[in-house]
């Protein structure tokens, strides 16, 4: 039995809006107060995109600035359909679920044309 793959939703933008912070640059001064210097483009990417790698210092600073918990920022989710992958057919390389079974066309045989 395979374990389900996990993913997550990043809710920083929503949490900021709930706290009245509607501009991504609103985070720059509070981060700087906590010893974290990020450019405006780095802060924009942190807010707008889902981070794949995140420093724990930045995460802890965000939790402190926004007065929230990790559950408010990060929502774990299970990836749909990842529990079990369909088995592959040996010869054709397509999955058994995708196959068309007996509805495959016959192979064409081309013979010489008599003139």
C-alpha atoms as a PDB file:
ATOM      1  CA  UNK A   1       0.000   0.000   0.000  1.00  0.00           C
ATOM      2  CA  UNK A   2       1.409   3.382  -1.048  1.00  0.00           C
ATOM      3  CA  UNK A   3       1.151   6.447   1.150  1.00  0.00           C
ATOM      4  CA  UNK A   4      -0.754   9.382  -0.303  1.00  0.00           C
ATOM      5  CA  UNK A   5       1.428  12.234  -1.556  1.00  0.00           C
ATOM      6  CA  UNK A   6       1.014  15.490   0.300  1.00  0.00           C
ATOM      7  CA  UNK A   7       0.988  19.013  -0.998  1.00  0.00           C
ATOM      8  CA  UNK A   8       0.069  22.357   0.534  1.00  0.00           C
ATOM      9  CA  UNK A   9      -1.721  25.644  -0.026  1.00  0.00           C
ATOM     10  CA  UNK A  10       0.114  28.867   0.887  1.00  0.00           C
ATOM     11  CA  UNK A  11      -2.219  31.461   2.470  1.00  0.00           C
ATOM     12  CA  UNK A  12       0.168  34.363   3.160  1.00  0.00           C
ATOM     13  CA  UNK A  13      -1.716  36.779   0.894  1.00  0.00           C
ATOM     14  CA  UNK A  14      -5.047  36.010   2.604  1.00  0.00           C
ATOM     15  CA  UNK A  15      -3.583  36.314   6.113  1.00  0.00           C
ATOM     16  CA  UNK A  16      -1.997  39.636   5.187  1.00  0.00           C
ATOM     17  CA  UNK A  17      -5.328  40.922   3.849  1.00  0.00           C
ATOM     18  CA  UNK A  18      -7.066  39.826   7.053  1.00  0.00           C
ATOM     19  CA  UNK A  19      -4.531  41.957   8.971  1.00  0.00           C
ATOM     20  CA  UNK A  20      -5.045  45.000   6.704  1.00  0.00           C
ATOM     21  CA  UNK A  21      -1.812  44.568   4.759  1.00  0.00           C
ATOM     22  CA  UNK A  22      -2.746  44.878   1.089  1.00  0.00           C
ATOM     23  CA  UNK A  23       0.649  45.690  -0.414  1.00  0.00           C
ATOM     24  CA  UNK A  24       3.470  43.184  -0.541  1.00  0.00           C
ATOM     25  CA  UNK A  25       5.955  45.899   0.409  1.00  0.00           C
ATOM     26  CA  UNK A  26       4.135  46.297   3.754  1.00  0.00           C
ATOM     27  CA  UNK A  27       6.196  43.315   4.936  1.00  0.00           C
ATOM     28  CA  UNK A  28       9.611  44.864   4.243  1.00  0.00           C
ATOM     29  CA  UNK A  29       9.907  47.135   7.343  1.00  0.00           C
ATOM     30  CA  UNK A  30       8.669  44.520   9.871  1.00  0.00           C
ATOM     31  CA  UNK A  31      10.994  41.908   8.359  1.00  0.00           C
ATOM     32  CA  UNK A  32      13.904  44.380   8.558  1.00  0.00           C
ATOM     33  CA  UNK A  33      13.097  44.990  12.260  1.00  0.00           C
ATOM     34  CA  UNK A  34      13.589  41.261  12.805  1.00  0.00           C
ATOM     35  CA  UNK A  35      16.936  41.197  10.985  1.00  0.00           C
ATOM     36  CA  UNK A  36      15.668  39.864   7.652  1.00  0.00           C
ATOM     37  CA  UNK A  37      16.520  41.891   4.569  1.00  0.00           C
ATOM     38  CA  UNK A  38      14.604  40.956   1.409  1.00  0.00           C
ATOM     39  CA  UNK A  39      14.215  42.950  -1.789  1.00  0.00           C
ATOM     40  CA  UNK A  40      10.757  44.052  -2.883  1.00  0.00           C
ATOM     41  CA  UNK A  41      10.778  41.408  -5.640  1.00  0.00           C
ATOM     42  CA  UNK A  42      11.689  38.670  -3.143  1.00  0.00           C
ATOM     43  CA  UNK A  43       8.860  39.743  -0.837  1.00  0.00           C
ATOM     44  CA  UNK A  44       6.485  39.862  -3.817  1.00  0.00           C
ATOM     45  CA  UNK A  45       7.382  36.287  -4.788  1.00  0.00           C
ATOM     46  CA  UNK A  46       7.033  35.176  -1.165  1.00  0.00           C
ATOM     47  CA  UNK A  47       3.506  36.596  -0.978  1.00  0.00           C
ATOM     48  CA  UNK A  48       2.194  35.845  -4.478  1.00  0.00           C
ATOM     49  CA  UNK A  49       3.835  32.500  -5.274  1.00  0.00           C
ATOM     50  CA  UNK A  50       3.937  29.300  -3.284  1.00  0.00           C
ATOM     51  CA  UNK A  51       7.441  28.924  -1.821  1.00  0.00           C
ATOM     52  CA  UNK A  52       9.176  25.594  -2.376  1.00  0.00           C
ATOM     53  CA  UNK A  53      12.011  26.417   0.028  1.00  0.00           C
ATOM     54  CA  UNK A  54      11.530  28.748   2.937  1.00  0.00           C
ATOM     55  CA  UNK A  55      13.959  29.737   5.663  1.00  0.00           C
ATOM     56  CA  UNK A  56      12.670  28.920   9.120  1.00  0.00           C
ATOM     57  CA  UNK A  57      13.796  32.384  10.273  1.00  0.00           C
ATOM     58  CA  UNK A  58      11.560  33.983   7.632  1.00  0.00           C
ATOM     59  CA  UNK A  59       8.680  31.683   8.543  1.00  0.00           C
ATOM     60  CA  UNK A  60       9.015  32.520  12.245  1.00  0.00           C
ATOM     61  CA  UNK A  61       9.232  36.237  11.425  1.00  0.00           C
ATOM     62  CA  UNK A  62       6.048  36.010   9.322  1.00  0.00           C
ATOM     63  CA  UNK A  63       4.247  34.224  12.154  1.00  0.00           C
ATOM     64  CA  UNK A  64       5.355  36.951  14.577  1.00  0.00           C
ATOM     65  CA  UNK A  65       4.527  39.862  12.248  1.00  0.00           C
ATOM     66  CA  UNK A  66       1.096  38.534  11.346  1.00  0.00           C
ATOM     67  CA  UNK A  67       0.380  37.116  14.822  1.00  0.00           C
ATOM     68  CA  UNK A  68      -0.767  33.806  13.363  1.00  0.00           C
ATOM     69  CA  UNK A  69       0.072  30.116  13.510  1.00  0.00           C
ATOM     70  CA  UNK A  70       1.591  27.832  10.883  1.00  0.00           C
ATOM     71  CA  UNK A  71      -1.878  26.343  10.354  1.00  0.00           C
ATOM     72  CA  UNK A  72      -3.050  29.790   9.213  1.00  0.00           C
ATOM     73  CA  UNK A  73      -0.264  30.079   6.614  1.00  0.00           C
ATOM     74  CA  UNK A  74       0.182  26.495   5.438  1.00  0.00           C
ATOM     75  CA  UNK A  75      -2.703  24.139   4.703  1.00  0.00           C
ATOM     76  CA  UNK A  76      -1.626  20.549   4.022  1.00  0.00           C
ATOM     77  CA  UNK A  77      -3.622  18.727   1.340  1.00  0.00           C
ATOM     78  CA  UNK A  78      -3.494  15.279  -0.239  1.00  0.00           C
ATOM     79  CA  UNK A  79      -2.802  15.186  -3.960  1.00  0.00           C
ATOM     80  CA  UNK A  80      -5.799  13.746  -5.793  1.00  0.00           C
ATOM     81  CA  UNK A  81      -5.251  10.430  -7.552  1.00  0.00           C
ATOM     82  CA  UNK A  82      -1.760   9.909  -6.231  1.00  0.00           C
ATOM     83  CA  UNK A  83      -2.525   6.962  -3.976  1.00  0.00           C
ATOM     84  CA  UNK A  84      -1.889   4.338  -6.650  1.00  0.00           C
ATOM     85  CA  UNK A  85      -0.603   4.652 -10.205  1.00  0.00           C
ATOM     86  CA  UNK A  86      -2.040   2.404 -12.920  1.00  0.00           C
ATOM     87  CA  UNK A  87       0.148  -0.496 -13.980  1.00  0.00           C
ATOM     88  CA  UNK A  88       1.936  -0.294 -17.311  1.00  0.00           C
ATOM     89  CA  UNK A  89       1.338  -2.786 -20.092  1.00  0.00           C
ATOM     90  CA  UNK A  90       4.586  -4.554 -20.920  1.00  0.00           C
ATOM     91  CA  UNK A  91       4.784  -4.186 -24.715  1.00  0.00           C
ATOM     92  CA  UNK A  92       2.940  -0.991 -25.603  1.00  0.00           C
ATOM     93  CA  UNK A  93       4.069   1.214 -22.706  1.00  0.00           C
ATOM     94  CA  UNK A  94       0.596   2.662 -22.179  1.00  0.00           C
ATOM     95  CA  UNK A  95      -1.257   2.125 -18.963  1.00  0.00           C
ATOM     96  CA  UNK A  96      -3.874  -0.593 -18.835  1.00  0.00           C
ATOM     97  CA  UNK A  97      -6.516   1.967 -17.827  1.00  0.00           C
ATOM     98  CA  UNK A  98      -5.784   4.110 -20.898  1.00  0.00           C
ATOM     99  CA  UNK A  99      -5.796   1.210 -23.381  1.00  0.00           C
ATOM    100  CA  UNK A 100      -8.609   0.572 -25.813  1.00  0.00           C
ATOM    101  CA  UNK A 101      -8.540  -3.180 -25.382  1.00  0.00           C
ATOM    102  CA  UNK A 102      -9.711  -5.129 -28.455  1.00  0.00           C
ATOM    103  CA  UNK A 103     -10.484  -1.974 -30.441  1.00  0.00           C
ATOM    104  CA  UNK A 104      -6.959  -1.630 -31.774  1.00  0.00           C
ATOM    105  CA  UNK A 105      -6.679  -1.299 -35.564  1.00  0.00           C
ATOM    106  CA  UNK A 106      -5.001  -4.004 -37.629  1.00  0.00           C
ATOM    107  CA  UNK A 107      -1.552  -3.289 -38.850  1.00  0.00           C
ATOM    108  CA  UNK A 108      -1.531  -2.199 -42.488  1.00  0.00           C
ATOM    109  CA  UNK A 109       0.381  -4.389 -44.950  1.00  0.00           C
ATOM    110  CA  UNK A 110       1.510  -2.621 -48.057  1.00  0.00           C
ATOM    111  CA  UNK A 111       2.270  -4.766 -51.033  1.00  0.00           C
ATOM    112  CA  UNK A 112       3.747  -3.815 -54.378  1.00  0.00           C
ATOM    113  CA  UNK A 113       1.468  -2.361 -57.024  1.00  0.00           C
ATOM    114  CA  UNK A 114       1.194  -4.303 -60.327  1.00  0.00           C
ATOM    115  CA  UNK A 115       1.483  -2.066 -63.373  1.00  0.00           C
END
